[in-house]
Amino acid sequence: TVDEAWQVLGLQPGASEEEIRAAHRRLMRAAHPDSGGSDWMAARVNQARDILLGRARRGRR
């Protein structure tokens, strides 16, 4: 859900696209399987980014 996406990225609703992208990059450094993270967590971080960027592009936050 959208609420879960905000929580996964550690952001408040209404964050900018730039803030969403920065949070995604920060989390992927730790969550990526090549960095000792898990496939599941990396997929969850990616999904959260996709959900929130889709909303931001449509003008809803």
C-alpha atoms as a PDB file:
ATOM      1  CA  THR A   1       0.000   0.000   0.000  1.00  0.00           C
ATOM      2  CA  VAL A   2       1.000   3.634  -0.253  1.00  0.00           C
ATOM      3  CA  ASP A   3       1.286   3.955   3.525  1.00  0.00           C
ATOM      4  CA  GLU A   4       3.638   0.966   3.624  1.00  0.00           C
ATOM      5  CA  ALA A   5       5.718   2.476   0.817  1.00  0.00           C
ATOM      6  CA  TRP A   6       6.255   5.662   2.844  1.00  0.00           C
ATOM      7  CA  GLN A   7       7.276   3.535   5.840  1.00  0.00           C
ATOM      8  CA  VAL A   8       9.661   1.340   3.852  1.00  0.00           C
ATOM      9  CA  LEU A   9      11.499   4.391   2.527  1.00  0.00           C
ATOM     10  CA  GLY A  10      11.335   6.149   5.889  1.00  0.00           C
ATOM     11  CA  LEU A  11       9.676   9.240   4.439  1.00  0.00           C
ATOM     12  CA  GLN A  12       6.732  11.422   5.337  1.00  0.00           C
ATOM     13  CA  PRO A  13       3.813  11.642   2.898  1.00  0.00           C
ATOM     14  CA  GLY A  14       4.348  14.486   0.471  1.00  0.00           C
ATOM     15  CA  ALA A  15       8.103  13.986   0.055  1.00  0.00           C
ATOM     16  CA  SER A  16       9.484  15.188  -3.272  1.00  0.00           C
ATOM     17  CA  GLU A  17      10.609  12.932  -6.120  1.00  0.00           C
ATOM     18  CA  GLU A  18      14.194  13.838  -5.258  1.00  0.00           C
ATOM     19  CA  GLU A  19      13.692  12.790  -1.626  1.00  0.00           C
ATOM     20  CA  ILE A  20      12.110   9.512  -2.760  1.00  0.00           C
ATOM     21  CA  ARG A  21      15.026   8.791  -5.092  1.00  0.00           C
ATOM     22  CA  ALA A  22      17.605   9.676  -2.413  1.00  0.00           C
ATOM     23  CA  ALA A  23      15.926   7.413   0.157  1.00  0.00           C
ATOM     24  CA  HIS A  24      15.784   4.600  -2.406  1.00  0.00           C
ATOM     25  CA  ARG A  25      19.507   4.923  -3.184  1.00  0.00           C
ATOM     26  CA  ARG A  26      20.412   5.020   0.508  1.00  0.00           C
ATOM     27  CA  LEU A  27      18.357   1.931   1.331  1.00  0.00           C
ATOM     28  CA  MET A  28      19.503  -0.037  -1.711  1.00  0.00           C
ATOM     29  CA  ARG A  29      23.127   0.318  -0.616  1.00  0.00           C
ATOM     30  CA  ALA A  30      22.234  -1.850   2.380  1.00  0.00           C
ATOM     31  CA  ALA A  31      19.359  -3.911   0.963  1.00  0.00           C
ATOM     32  CA  HIS A  32      20.918  -5.026  -2.328  1.00  0.00           C
ATOM     33  CA  PRO A  33      21.884  -8.716  -2.325  1.00  0.00           C
ATOM     34  CA  ASP A  34      25.377  -7.870  -3.617  1.00  0.00           C
ATOM     35  CA  SER A  35      25.871  -5.751  -0.480  1.00  0.00           C
ATOM     36  CA  GLY A  36      24.781  -8.476   1.914  1.00  0.00           C
ATOM     37  CA  GLY A  37      21.077  -7.639   1.800  1.00  0.00           C
ATOM     38  CA  SER A  38      18.261  -9.852   0.627  1.00  0.00           C
ATOM     39  CA  ASP A  39      16.340 -10.203  -2.614  1.00  0.00           C
ATOM     40  CA  TRP A  40      13.115  -9.740  -0.655  1.00  0.00           C
ATOM     41  CA  MET A  41      14.152  -6.443   0.933  1.00  0.00           C
ATOM     42  CA  ALA A  42      15.605  -5.071  -2.305  1.00  0.00           C
ATOM     43  CA  ALA A  43      12.343  -5.906  -4.085  1.00  0.00           C
ATOM     44  CA  ARG A  44      10.346  -4.222  -1.332  1.00  0.00           C
ATOM     45  CA  VAL A  45      12.454  -1.038  -1.532  1.00  0.00           C
ATOM     46  CA  ASN A  46      12.101  -0.999  -5.330  1.00  0.00           C
ATOM     47  CA  GLN A  47       8.350  -1.519  -5.103  1.00  0.00           C
ATOM     48  CA  ALA A  48       8.005   1.322  -2.587  1.00  0.00           C
ATOM     49  CA  ARG A  49       9.926   3.643  -4.902  1.00  0.00           C
ATOM     50  CA  ASP A  50       7.796   2.654  -7.880  1.00  0.00           C
ATOM     51  CA  ILE A  51       4.543   3.211  -5.983  1.00  0.00           C
ATOM     52  CA  LEU A  52       5.555   6.627  -4.691  1.00  0.00           C
ATOM     53  CA  LEU A  53       7.131   7.888  -7.903  1.00  0.00           C
ATOM     54  CA  GLY A  54       4.036   6.825  -9.810  1.00  0.00           C
ATOM     55  CA  ARG A  55       1.905   8.875  -7.439  1.00  0.00           C
ATOM     56  CA  ALA A  56       4.283  11.849  -7.606  1.00  0.00           C
ATOM     57  CA  ARG A  57       4.234  11.819 -11.408  1.00  0.00           C
ATOM     58  CA  ARG A  58       0.452  11.845 -11.362  1.00  0.00           C
ATOM     59  CA  GLY A  59       0.489  14.787  -8.962  1.00  0.00           C
ATOM     60  CA  ARG A  60      -0.814  12.893  -5.918  1.00  0.00           C
ATOM     61  CA  ARG A  61       1.239  12.466  -2.773  1.00  0.00           C
END
